């Protein structure tokens, strides 16, 4: 379930990158694709809203990334 936060941030970002590749004269394609990305992002956020536990007082939907700088060197 930790992928929810990443998808909420990544879907609009990658959708906008794909929109940059669509030619300007295809107005309908631009509109429909941007609507599609917005709807998918909205559905993911609604799914996240249903998973929210109001009775919990701790952090929810947290992602932890472990990065050891010295392994890269």
C-alpha atoms as a PDB file:
ATOM      1  CA  UNK A   1       0.000   0.000   0.000  1.00  0.00           C
ATOM      2  CA  UNK A   2       3.002   2.310   0.135  1.00  0.00           C
ATOM      3  CA  UNK A   3       2.787   2.893  -3.582  1.00  0.00           C
ATOM      4  CA  UNK A   4      -0.273   5.146  -3.174  1.00  0.00           C
ATOM      5  CA  UNK A   5       1.710   8.273  -2.293  1.00  0.00           C
ATOM      6  CA  UNK A   6       4.158   7.698  -5.140  1.00  0.00           C
ATOM      7  CA  UNK A   7       1.360   7.188  -7.623  1.00  0.00           C
ATOM      8  CA  UNK A   8      -0.389  10.388  -6.521  1.00  0.00           C
ATOM      9  CA  UNK A   9       2.791  12.297  -7.256  1.00  0.00           C
ATOM     10  CA  UNK A  10       3.952  10.297 -10.254  1.00  0.00           C
ATOM     11  CA  UNK A  11       0.766  10.058 -12.313  1.00  0.00           C
ATOM     12  CA  UNK A  12       0.416  13.795 -12.997  1.00  0.00           C
ATOM     13  CA  UNK A  13       4.154  14.162 -13.551  1.00  0.00           C
ATOM     14  CA  UNK A  14       4.462  11.350 -16.083  1.00  0.00           C
ATOM     15  CA  UNK A  15       1.133  12.317 -17.635  1.00  0.00           C
ATOM     16  CA  UNK A  16       2.453  15.810 -18.273  1.00  0.00           C
ATOM     17  CA  UNK A  17       5.617  14.383 -19.817  1.00  0.00           C
ATOM     18  CA  UNK A  18       3.501  12.319 -22.196  1.00  0.00           C
ATOM     19  CA  UNK A  19       1.380  15.384 -22.973  1.00  0.00           C
ATOM     20  CA  UNK A  20       4.530  17.189 -24.083  1.00  0.00           C
ATOM     21  CA  UNK A  21       5.024  14.539 -26.775  1.00  0.00           C
ATOM     22  CA  UNK A  22       1.546  14.951 -28.315  1.00  0.00           C
ATOM     23  CA  UNK A  23       1.472  17.448 -31.227  1.00  0.00           C
ATOM     24  CA  UNK A  24      -0.237  20.796 -30.600  1.00  0.00           C
ATOM     25  CA  UNK A  25      -2.743  20.454 -33.408  1.00  0.00           C
ATOM     26  CA  UNK A  26      -4.367  17.377 -31.800  1.00  0.00           C
ATOM     27  CA  UNK A  27      -6.534  19.339 -29.365  1.00  0.00           C
ATOM     28  CA  UNK A  28      -9.011  16.551 -28.666  1.00  0.00           C
ATOM     29  CA  UNK A  29      -6.274  14.039 -27.911  1.00  0.00           C
ATOM     30  CA  UNK A  30      -4.634  16.488 -25.510  1.00  0.00           C
ATOM     31  CA  UNK A  31      -7.911  17.136 -23.722  1.00  0.00           C
ATOM     32  CA  UNK A  32      -8.943  13.498 -23.428  1.00  0.00           C
ATOM     33  CA  UNK A  33      -5.540  12.314 -22.271  1.00  0.00           C
ATOM     34  CA  UNK A  34      -5.261  15.055 -19.645  1.00  0.00           C
ATOM     35  CA  UNK A  35      -8.793  14.233 -18.459  1.00  0.00           C
ATOM     36  CA  UNK A  36      -7.854  10.542 -18.280  1.00  0.00           C
ATOM     37  CA  UNK A  37      -4.762  11.263 -16.158  1.00  0.00           C
ATOM     38  CA  UNK A  38      -6.748  13.582 -13.881  1.00  0.00           C
ATOM     39  CA  UNK A  39      -9.498  10.987 -13.399  1.00  0.00           C
ATOM     40  CA  UNK A  40      -7.034   8.208 -12.608  1.00  0.00           C
ATOM     41  CA  UNK A  41      -5.292  10.461 -10.076  1.00  0.00           C
ATOM     42  CA  UNK A  42      -8.649  11.354  -8.542  1.00  0.00           C
ATOM     43  CA  UNK A  43      -9.640   7.690  -8.251  1.00  0.00           C
ATOM     44  CA  UNK A  44      -6.361   6.877  -6.514  1.00  0.00           C
ATOM     45  CA  UNK A  45      -6.962   9.712  -4.047  1.00  0.00           C
ATOM     46  CA  UNK A  46     -10.526   8.486  -3.358  1.00  0.00           C
ATOM     47  CA  UNK A  47      -9.139   4.992  -2.761  1.00  0.00           C
ATOM     48  CA  UNK A  48      -6.649   6.505  -0.332  1.00  0.00           C
ATOM     49  CA  UNK A  49      -9.450   8.374   1.434  1.00  0.00           C
ATOM     50  CA  UNK A  50     -11.357   5.123   2.000  1.00  0.00           C
ATOM     51  CA  UNK A  51      -8.247   3.476   3.438  1.00  0.00           C
ATOM     52  CA  UNK A  52      -7.719   6.276   5.967  1.00  0.00           C
ATOM     53  CA  UNK A  53      -8.235   5.155   9.563  1.00  0.00           C
ATOM     54  CA  UNK A  54      -9.751   7.960  11.648  1.00  0.00           C
ATOM     55  CA  UNK A  55      -9.289   6.071  14.901  1.00  0.00           C
ATOM     56  CA  UNK A  56      -5.505   5.943  14.540  1.00  0.00           C
ATOM     57  CA  UNK A  57      -3.391   8.781  15.894  1.00  0.00           C
ATOM     58  CA  UNK A  58      -0.206   7.717  14.125  1.00  0.00           C
ATOM     59  CA  UNK A  59       1.082   8.581  10.691  1.00  0.00           C
ATOM     60  CA  UNK A  60      -0.631   6.816   7.820  1.00  0.00           C
ATOM     61  CA  UNK A  61       0.436   6.294   4.198  1.00  0.00           C
ATOM     62  CA  UNK A  62       4.118   6.830   4.947  1.00  0.00           C
ATOM     63  CA  UNK A  63       6.889   5.875   2.583  1.00  0.00           C
ATOM     64  CA  UNK A  64      10.423   5.326   3.765  1.00  0.00           C
ATOM     65  CA  UNK A  65      13.379   5.378   1.419  1.00  0.00           C
ATOM     66  CA  UNK A  66      16.670   4.070   2.690  1.00  0.00           C
ATOM     67  CA  UNK A  67      19.586   5.566   0.852  1.00  0.00           C
ATOM     68  CA  UNK A  68      23.136   4.908   1.881  1.00  0.00           C
ATOM     69  CA  UNK A  69      25.296   7.574   0.280  1.00  0.00           C
ATOM     70  CA  UNK A  70      28.503   5.654   0.836  1.00  0.00           C
ATOM     71  CA  UNK A  71      27.314   2.651  -1.208  1.00  0.00           C
ATOM     72  CA  UNK A  72      27.054   4.868  -4.287  1.00  0.00           C
ATOM     73  CA  UNK A  73      30.697   5.942  -4.032  1.00  0.00           C
END
